[in-house]
Amino acid sequence: MELFRIRIDDKRREQVIMLRERNGERVLPIVIGISEADAIRLKVSGVELPRPLTHDLLRNTIAELGAELEQIVIHDLRQGTFFAKLVLKTRDGQDREVDARPSDAIALALRAGAPILAEESLLDLSPVT
């Protein structure tokens, strides 16, 4: 998946991140919070801040612990809420999964250069661009 667009709906006071298949037409719209939208927007626009934001801090912490963010996976939708997980590789080669909100996972993946994946079943529900 790739970041396609961040849409702001002023009437509903929501931010929607749109992910699109890399080699396809399906999109996955996910409603996110304003702070996560800002964090993603800052990274995408190339703005460098003098001090790390929360997602930068998490990326730095993972690296300092000798682990690597291998990918994020948006894997479930329950009662209108998406669920994601961080897939980490530890220094001793073990895979670890950490539950995360999709917005935080995406912001972290963009900073770490990690792939963003979504379960096929979620994309089957999604509109086409």
N, C-alpha and C. Protein backbone atom coordinates (compact mmCIF):
# COMPACT_ATOMS: atom_id res chain seq x y z
N MET A 1 0.85 -1.17 0.00
CA MET A 1 0.00 0.00 0.00
C MET A 1 0.89 1.23 0.00
N GLU A 2 0.34 2.31 -0.49
CA GLU A 2 1.06 3.58 -0.46
C GLU A 2 0.10 4.68 -0.03
N LEU A 3 0.66 5.71 0.57
CA LEU A 3 -0.14 6.85 0.96
C LEU A 3 -0.61 7.55 -0.31
N PHE A 4 -1.91 7.69 -0.45
CA PHE A 4 -2.48 8.29 -1.65
C PHE A 4 -2.91 9.73 -1.38
N ARG A 5 -3.55 9.94 -0.25
CA ARG A 5 -4.09 11.28 0.03
C ARG A 5 -4.51 11.37 1.50
N ILE A 6 -4.46 12.58 2.03
CA ILE A 6 -5.06 12.87 3.33
C ILE A 6 -6.18 13.87 3.05
N ARG A 7 -7.38 13.48 3.38
CA ARG A 7 -8.54 14.33 3.11
C ARG A 7 -9.08 14.85 4.43
N ILE A 8 -9.36 16.14 4.46
CA ILE A 8 -9.92 16.76 5.67
C ILE A 8 -11.36 17.14 5.39
N ASP A 9 -12.25 16.68 6.24
CA ASP A 9 -13.67 16.99 6.13
C ASP A 9 -13.99 17.96 7.26
N ASP A 10 -14.06 19.25 6.92
CA ASP A 10 -14.29 20.28 7.93
C ASP A 10 -15.67 20.18 8.57
N LYS A 11 -16.65 19.74 7.80
CA LYS A 11 -18.01 19.62 8.34
C LYS A 11 -18.09 18.58 9.43
N ARG A 12 -17.44 17.45 9.21
CA ARG A 12 -17.46 16.35 10.19
C ARG A 12 -16.30 16.45 11.17
N ARG A 13 -15.37 17.34 10.90
CA ARG A 13 -14.17 17.50 11.73
C ARG A 13 -13.40 16.18 11.81
N GLU A 14 -13.20 15.57 10.61
CA GLU A 14 -12.45 14.32 10.53
C GLU A 14 -11.34 14.45 9.50
N GLN A 15 -10.34 13.64 9.71
CA GLN A 15 -9.26 13.50 8.74
C GLN A 15 -9.31 12.05 8.27
N VAL A 16 -9.21 11.87 6.97
CA VAL A 16 -9.25 10.52 6.41
C VAL A 16 -7.98 10.31 5.61
N ILE A 17 -7.25 9.26 5.96
CA ILE A 17 -6.07 8.91 5.20
C ILE A 17 -6.49 7.87 4.18
N MET A 18 -6.02 8.06 2.96
CA MET A 18 -6.36 7.15 1.87
C MET A 18 -5.10 6.39 1.48
N LEU A 19 -5.14 5.07 1.65
CA LEU A 19 -4.06 4.21 1.17
C LEU A 19 -4.52 3.58 -0.13
N ARG A 20 -3.61 3.40 -1.06
CA ARG A 20 -3.95 2.80 -2.35
C ARG A 20 -2.98 1.65 -2.63
N GLU A 21 -3.50 0.62 -3.28
CA GLU A 21 -2.64 -0.49 -3.70
C GLU A 21 -1.55 0.06 -4.60
N ARG A 22 -0.34 -0.46 -4.46
CA ARG A 22 0.76 -0.02 -5.32
C ARG A 22 0.51 -0.37 -6.79
N ASN A 23 0.04 -1.55 -7.05
CA ASN A 23 -0.19 -1.97 -8.43
C ASN A 23 -1.66 -2.30 -8.65
N GLY A 24 -2.52 -1.46 -8.13
CA GLY A 24 -3.94 -1.70 -8.26
C GLY A 24 -4.72 -0.41 -8.16
N GLU A 25 -6.02 -0.56 -8.04
CA GLU A 25 -6.88 0.60 -8.00
C GLU A 25 -7.67 0.74 -6.71
N ARG A 26 -7.62 -0.28 -5.86
CA ARG A 26 -8.41 -0.22 -4.63
C ARG A 26 -7.76 0.71 -3.62
N VAL A 27 -8.61 1.38 -2.85
CA VAL A 27 -8.14 2.27 -1.80
C VAL A 27 -8.71 1.81 -0.46
N LEU A 28 -8.02 2.21 0.59
CA LEU A 28 -8.46 1.89 1.94
C LEU A 28 -8.55 3.21 2.71
N PRO A 29 -9.76 3.73 2.90
CA PRO A 29 -9.92 4.98 3.66
C PRO A 29 -10.01 4.69 5.16
N ILE A 30 -9.21 5.43 5.95
CA ILE A 30 -9.18 5.24 7.40
C ILE A 30 -9.29 6.60 8.07
N VAL A 31 -10.27 6.75 8.94
CA VAL A 31 -10.44 7.99 9.70
C VAL A 31 -9.36 8.02 10.78
N ILE A 32 -8.66 9.15 10.88
CA ILE A 32 -7.57 9.28 11.85
C ILE A 32 -7.72 10.59 12.63
N GLY A 33 -6.98 10.70 13.70
CA GLY A 33 -7.00 11.90 14.54
C GLY A 33 -6.18 13.02 13.94
N ILE A 34 -6.41 14.22 14.43
CA ILE A 34 -5.74 15.41 13.91
C ILE A 34 -4.23 15.36 14.15
N SER A 35 -3.80 14.87 15.32
CA SER A 35 -2.36 14.86 15.60
C SER A 35 -1.64 13.85 14.70
N GLU A 36 -2.28 12.71 14.43
CA GLU A 36 -1.68 11.72 13.54
C GLU A 36 -1.65 12.25 12.10
N ALA A 37 -2.71 12.93 11.70
CA ALA A 37 -2.74 13.52 10.36
C ALA A 37 -1.61 14.55 10.22
N ASP A 38 -1.42 15.36 11.25
CA ASP A 38 -0.34 16.35 11.22
C ASP A 38 1.03 15.67 11.16
N ALA A 39 1.21 14.60 11.93
CA ALA A 39 2.50 13.89 11.92
C ALA A 39 2.79 13.29 10.54
N ILE A 40 1.78 12.75 9.92
CA ILE A 40 1.95 12.17 8.58
C ILE A 40 2.22 13.27 7.57
N ARG A 41 1.46 14.35 7.66
CA ARG A 41 1.64 15.49 6.74
C ARG A 41 3.04 16.08 6.84
N LEU A 42 3.54 16.23 8.07
CA LEU A 42 4.90 16.76 8.26
C LEU A 42 5.94 15.87 7.58
N LYS A 43 5.82 14.57 7.75
CA LYS A 43 6.79 13.65 7.15
C LYS A 43 6.71 13.69 5.63
N VAL A 44 5.51 13.66 5.10
CA VAL A 44 5.33 13.66 3.65
C VAL A 44 5.83 14.95 3.02
N SER A 45 5.66 16.07 3.73
CA SER A 45 6.09 17.35 3.18
C SER A 45 7.58 17.61 3.39
N GLY A 46 8.26 16.71 4.11
CA GLY A 46 9.70 16.84 4.29
C GLY A 46 10.13 17.83 5.36
N VAL A 47 9.22 18.24 6.21
CA VAL A 47 9.55 19.19 7.27
C VAL A 47 10.40 18.47 8.33
N GLU A 48 11.53 19.07 8.64
CA GLU A 48 12.41 18.54 9.69
C GLU A 48 12.28 19.43 10.92
N LEU A 49 11.99 18.82 12.04
CA LEU A 49 11.86 19.56 13.29
C LEU A 49 13.13 19.39 14.13
N PRO A 50 13.42 20.35 14.99
CA PRO A 50 14.65 20.27 15.78
C PRO A 50 14.62 19.15 16.83
N ARG A 51 13.45 18.74 17.26
CA ARG A 51 13.31 17.68 18.27
C ARG A 51 12.36 16.61 17.73
N PRO A 52 12.55 15.37 18.16
CA PRO A 52 11.71 14.29 17.64
C PRO A 52 10.27 14.38 18.15
N LEU A 53 9.33 14.10 17.25
CA LEU A 53 7.94 13.94 17.64
C LEU A 53 7.75 12.50 18.13
N THR A 54 6.58 12.18 18.59
CA THR A 54 6.33 10.86 19.18
C THR A 54 6.69 9.71 18.24
N HIS A 55 6.33 9.81 16.97
CA HIS A 55 6.62 8.72 16.04
C HIS A 55 8.12 8.62 15.73
N ASP A 56 8.79 9.76 15.73
CA ASP A 56 10.26 9.74 15.59
C ASP A 56 10.89 9.09 16.81
N LEU A 57 10.37 9.42 17.98
CA LEU A 57 10.87 8.85 19.22
C LEU A 57 10.72 7.33 19.22
N LEU A 58 9.57 6.84 18.78
CA LEU A 58 9.36 5.40 18.73
C LEU A 58 10.31 4.74 17.72
N ARG A 59 10.48 5.35 16.56
CA ARG A 59 11.43 4.81 15.57
C ARG A 59 12.83 4.75 16.16
N ASN A 60 13.25 5.82 16.83
CA ASN A 60 14.58 5.87 17.44
C ASN A 60 14.72 4.83 18.56
N THR A 61 13.67 4.65 19.34
CA THR A 61 13.70 3.68 20.44
C THR A 61 13.83 2.26 19.90
N ILE A 62 13.08 1.93 18.87
CA ILE A 62 13.17 0.61 18.26
C ILE A 62 14.59 0.36 17.77
N ALA A 63 15.18 1.35 17.12
CA ALA A 63 16.55 1.20 16.61
C ALA A 63 17.55 1.05 17.75
N GLU A 64 17.41 1.85 18.81
CA GLU A 64 18.33 1.78 19.95
C GLU A 64 18.27 0.44 20.66
N LEU A 65 17.12 -0.21 20.59
CA LEU A 65 16.97 -1.53 21.20
C LEU A 65 17.46 -2.65 20.27
N GLY A 66 17.97 -2.26 19.11
CA GLY A 66 18.53 -3.24 18.19
C GLY A 66 17.49 -3.96 17.36
N ALA A 67 16.31 -3.41 17.27
CA ALA A 67 15.25 -4.02 16.48
C ALA A 67 15.02 -3.20 15.21
N GLU A 68 14.18 -3.73 14.35
CA GLU A 68 13.86 -3.06 13.09
C GLU A 68 12.38 -3.24 12.80
N LEU A 69 11.74 -2.18 12.34
CA LEU A 69 10.35 -2.29 11.89
C LEU A 69 10.37 -2.89 10.50
N GLU A 70 9.92 -4.13 10.39
CA GLU A 70 9.92 -4.81 9.10
C GLU A 70 8.75 -4.37 8.23
N GLN A 71 7.58 -4.20 8.84
CA GLN A 71 6.39 -3.79 8.11
C GLN A 71 5.28 -3.50 9.11
N ILE A 72 4.25 -2.86 8.60
CA ILE A 72 3.02 -2.74 9.38
C ILE A 72 1.93 -3.44 8.58
N VAL A 73 0.96 -3.98 9.29
CA VAL A 73 -0.14 -4.68 8.63
C VAL A 73 -1.45 -4.18 9.21
N ILE A 74 -2.32 -3.67 8.35
CA ILE A 74 -3.68 -3.33 8.74
C ILE A 74 -4.47 -4.61 8.51
N HIS A 75 -4.94 -5.21 9.61
CA HIS A 75 -5.40 -6.59 9.51
C HIS A 75 -6.85 -6.86 9.86
N ASP A 76 -7.56 -5.88 10.43
CA ASP A 76 -8.92 -6.18 10.85
C ASP A 76 -9.75 -4.92 10.87
N LEU A 77 -11.06 -5.11 10.77
CA LEU A 77 -12.03 -4.03 10.90
C LEU A 77 -13.16 -4.58 11.75
N ARG A 78 -13.33 -3.97 12.94
CA ARG A 78 -14.38 -4.41 13.86
C ARG A 78 -15.19 -3.21 14.31
N GLN A 79 -16.48 -3.27 14.10
CA GLN A 79 -17.39 -2.20 14.51
C GLN A 79 -16.90 -0.83 14.04
N GLY A 80 -16.45 -0.77 12.80
CA GLY A 80 -16.03 0.48 12.20
C GLY A 80 -14.63 0.94 12.58
N THR A 81 -13.90 0.12 13.33
CA THR A 81 -12.54 0.48 13.76
C THR A 81 -11.53 -0.45 13.13
N PHE A 82 -10.51 0.14 12.49
CA PHE A 82 -9.43 -0.65 11.90
C PHE A 82 -8.40 -1.00 12.97
N PHE A 83 -7.76 -2.15 12.79
CA PHE A 83 -6.71 -2.61 13.68
C PHE A 83 -5.46 -2.87 12.86
N ALA A 84 -4.31 -2.54 13.45
CA ALA A 84 -3.04 -2.74 12.76
C ALA A 84 -2.05 -3.36 13.73
N LYS A 85 -0.94 -3.82 13.18
CA LYS A 85 0.15 -4.33 14.01
C LYS A 85 1.47 -3.93 13.40
N LEU A 86 2.42 -3.71 14.29
CA LEU A 86 3.80 -3.48 13.89
C LEU A 86 4.48 -4.83 13.88
N VAL A 87 5.23 -5.13 12.84
CA VAL A 87 5.98 -6.37 12.78
C VAL A 87 7.45 -5.98 12.92
N LEU A 88 8.03 -6.38 14.06
CA LEU A 88 9.41 -6.02 14.38
C LEU A 88 10.31 -7.25 14.29
N LYS A 89 11.53 -7.03 13.89
CA LYS A 89 12.57 -8.06 13.92
C LYS A 89 13.54 -7.64 15.01
N THR A 90 13.73 -8.52 16.01
CA THR A 90 14.62 -8.20 17.12
C THR A 90 16.07 -8.46 16.71
N ARG A 91 16.99 -8.00 17.53
CA ARG A 91 18.41 -8.19 17.22
C ARG A 91 18.80 -9.65 17.16
N ASP A 92 18.05 -10.53 17.86
CA ASP A 92 18.37 -11.96 17.80
C ASP A 92 17.53 -12.69 16.74
N GLY A 93 16.91 -11.93 15.85
CA GLY A 93 16.22 -12.50 14.70
C GLY A 93 14.79 -12.95 14.92
N GLN A 94 14.24 -12.67 16.09
CA GLN A 94 12.86 -13.06 16.36
C GLN A 94 11.89 -12.02 15.81
N ASP A 95 10.75 -12.50 15.34
CA ASP A 95 9.68 -11.61 14.92
C ASP A 95 8.77 -11.33 16.11
N ARG A 96 8.43 -10.08 16.29
CA ARG A 96 7.50 -9.66 17.34
C ARG A 96 6.42 -8.82 16.71
N GLU A 97 5.19 -9.00 17.17
CA GLU A 97 4.08 -8.20 16.70
C GLU A 97 3.55 -7.35 17.84
N VAL A 98 3.27 -6.09 17.54
CA VAL A 98 2.78 -5.14 18.53
C VAL A 98 1.50 -4.51 18.00
N ASP A 99 0.44 -4.57 18.78
CA ASP A 99 -0.83 -3.97 18.41
C ASP A 99 -0.65 -2.45 18.28
N ALA A 100 -1.28 -1.86 17.26
CA ALA A 100 -1.16 -0.41 17.05
C ALA A 100 -2.40 0.12 16.34
N ARG A 101 -2.65 1.38 16.55
CA ARG A 101 -3.68 2.04 15.74
C ARG A 101 -3.10 2.23 14.34
N PRO A 102 -3.91 2.06 13.30
CA PRO A 102 -3.38 2.23 11.94
C PRO A 102 -2.72 3.59 11.71
N SER A 103 -3.27 4.65 12.27
CA SER A 103 -2.70 5.98 12.05
C SER A 103 -1.29 6.07 12.61
N ASP A 104 -1.08 5.54 13.81
CA ASP A 104 0.26 5.56 14.40
C ASP A 104 1.20 4.64 13.63
N ALA A 105 0.69 3.48 13.24
CA ALA A 105 1.51 2.53 12.49
C ALA A 105 1.96 3.13 11.16
N ILE A 106 1.07 3.82 10.48
CA ILE A 106 1.40 4.44 9.19
C ILE A 106 2.43 5.55 9.39
N ALA A 107 2.21 6.40 10.40
CA ALA A 107 3.16 7.49 10.68
C ALA A 107 4.55 6.92 10.98
N LEU A 108 4.61 5.82 11.72
CA LEU A 108 5.88 5.18 12.03
C LEU A 108 6.50 4.54 10.79
N ALA A 109 5.70 3.85 10.00
CA ALA A 109 6.21 3.21 8.78
C ALA A 109 6.80 4.22 7.82
N LEU A 110 6.16 5.37 7.68
CA LEU A 110 6.69 6.40 6.79
C LEU A 110 8.05 6.89 7.28
N ARG A 111 8.23 7.00 8.58
CA ARG A 111 9.51 7.46 9.14
C ARG A 111 10.60 6.39 9.03
N ALA A 112 10.19 5.13 9.14
CA ALA A 112 11.16 4.04 9.13
C ALA A 112 11.40 3.46 7.73
N GLY A 113 10.63 3.93 6.76
CA GLY A 113 10.76 3.38 5.41
C GLY A 113 10.28 1.94 5.32
N ALA A 114 9.34 1.57 6.17
CA ALA A 114 8.82 0.20 6.21
C ALA A 114 7.58 0.06 5.33
N PRO A 115 7.39 -1.12 4.76
CA PRO A 115 6.19 -1.35 3.93
C PRO A 115 4.90 -1.28 4.75
N ILE A 116 3.85 -0.81 4.08
CA ILE A 116 2.51 -0.75 4.65
C ILE A 116 1.68 -1.81 3.92
N LEU A 117 1.17 -2.78 4.66
CA LEU A 117 0.37 -3.86 4.08
C LEU A 117 -1.04 -3.80 4.62
N ALA A 118 -1.97 -4.34 3.86
CA ALA A 118 -3.36 -4.47 4.31
C ALA A 118 -3.86 -5.84 3.89
N GLU A 119 -4.64 -6.45 4.76
CA GLU A 119 -5.23 -7.75 4.45
C GLU A 119 -6.13 -7.63 3.23
N GLU A 120 -6.06 -8.63 2.39
CA GLU A 120 -6.86 -8.66 1.16
C GLU A 120 -8.35 -8.52 1.46
N SER A 121 -8.82 -9.13 2.55
CA SER A 121 -10.25 -9.07 2.90
C SER A 121 -10.71 -7.64 3.14
N LEU A 122 -9.82 -6.78 3.65
CA LEU A 122 -10.17 -5.37 3.86
C LEU A 122 -10.22 -4.63 2.53
N LEU A 123 -9.30 -4.95 1.64
CA LEU A 123 -9.29 -4.29 0.34
C LEU A 123 -10.49 -4.70 -0.50
N ASP A 124 -10.98 -5.91 -0.30
CA ASP A 124 -12.16 -6.37 -1.04
C ASP A 124 -13.39 -5.54 -0.69
N LEU A 125 -13.39 -4.91 0.47
CA LEU A 125 -14.52 -4.06 0.90
C LEU A 125 -14.36 -2.62 0.41
N SER A 126 -13.19 -2.29 -0.12
CA SER A 126 -12.83 -0.90 -0.39
C SER A 126 -13.28 -0.45 -1.77
N PRO A 127 -13.51 0.86 -1.90
CA PRO A 127 -13.85 1.42 -3.20
C PRO A 127 -12.63 1.46 -4.12
N VAL A 128 -12.88 1.63 -5.40
CA VAL A 128 -11.83 1.76 -6.41
C VAL A 128 -11.69 3.24 -6.73
N THR A 129 -10.42 3.70 -6.92
CA THR A 129 -10.20 5.11 -7.24
C THR A 129 -10.59 5.42 -8.67
